[in-house]
């Protein structure tokens, strides 16, 4: 999906021109949470959306439900 959307090969290693390969998938939520915690990452936004973007999202949601301001 990444290669189709962004038109880049996510497994291409640009420093040496080699091709990476996947060796496994991590599917267990507890393991994923431990890795994310260890790396001190979060799924939360670091800063709030700009008011213009928030307003656009509210308008789009209202249009989908047939509501108008």
Protein backbone atom coordinates (compact mmCIF):
# COMPACT_ATOMS: atom_id res chain seq x y z
CA UNK A 1 0.00 0.00 0.00
CA UNK A 2 2.84 2.41 0.81
CA UNK A 3 4.41 1.85 -2.60
CA UNK A 4 1.10 2.51 -4.37
CA UNK A 5 0.18 5.64 -2.42
CA UNK A 6 3.59 7.29 -2.13
CA UNK A 7 5.18 5.70 -5.20
CA UNK A 8 8.26 4.57 -3.27
CA UNK A 9 9.51 1.13 -2.35
CA UNK A 10 9.50 0.95 1.49
CA UNK A 11 11.89 -2.01 1.41
CA UNK A 12 14.56 -0.25 -0.67
CA UNK A 13 17.57 0.77 1.44
CA UNK A 14 18.86 4.04 -0.06
CA UNK A 15 22.30 4.03 1.59
CA UNK A 16 23.58 0.90 -0.12
CA UNK A 17 20.92 0.31 -2.76
CA UNK A 18 20.00 -3.04 -1.23
CA UNK A 19 16.60 -4.59 -0.79
CA UNK A 20 15.28 -5.25 2.72
CA UNK A 21 12.95 -8.13 3.45
CA UNK A 22 10.35 -8.75 6.13
CA UNK A 23 11.22 -11.51 8.54
CA UNK A 24 8.19 -11.35 10.84
CA UNK A 25 5.03 -9.50 11.81
CA UNK A 26 4.18 -8.51 15.36
CA UNK A 27 0.45 -8.95 15.85
CA UNK A 28 -0.02 -9.28 19.62
CA UNK A 29 -1.29 -5.99 21.08
CA UNK A 30 0.54 -6.49 24.40
CA UNK A 31 3.88 -6.91 22.60
CA UNK A 32 3.22 -3.88 20.41
CA UNK A 33 2.34 -1.80 23.47
CA UNK A 34 5.57 -2.84 25.21
CA UNK A 35 7.65 -1.87 22.16
CA UNK A 36 5.89 1.50 21.82
CA UNK A 37 6.35 2.16 25.55
CA UNK A 38 10.04 1.21 25.40
CA UNK A 39 10.60 3.57 22.48
CA UNK A 40 8.68 6.28 24.37
CA UNK A 41 6.29 6.74 21.47
CA UNK A 42 2.63 7.66 21.67
CA UNK A 43 -0.46 7.62 19.48
CA UNK A 44 -1.53 11.02 20.78
CA UNK A 45 -1.04 14.19 18.78
CA UNK A 46 1.86 16.28 19.99
CA UNK A 47 -0.07 19.48 19.44
CA UNK A 48 -3.71 20.27 18.66
CA UNK A 49 -4.95 20.72 15.12
CA UNK A 50 -5.00 24.25 13.75
CA UNK A 51 -8.45 25.87 14.09
CA UNK A 52 -8.96 25.94 10.29
CA UNK A 53 -8.41 22.18 9.96
CA UNK A 54 -10.66 21.46 12.94
CA UNK A 55 -13.40 23.66 11.44
CA UNK A 56 -13.12 21.86 8.07
CA UNK A 57 -13.40 18.46 9.77
CA UNK A 58 -16.51 19.57 11.67
CA UNK A 59 -18.11 20.87 8.48
CA UNK A 60 -17.36 17.63 6.62
CA UNK A 61 -18.82 15.56 9.46
CA UNK A 62 -21.96 17.72 9.48
CA UNK A 63 -22.37 17.36 5.72
CA UNK A 64 -22.11 13.58 5.98
CA UNK A 65 -24.95 13.55 8.53
CA UNK A 66 -27.02 16.11 6.63
CA UNK A 67 -26.62 18.74 9.35
CA UNK A 68 -25.81 22.34 8.60
CA UNK A 69 -24.60 25.13 10.86
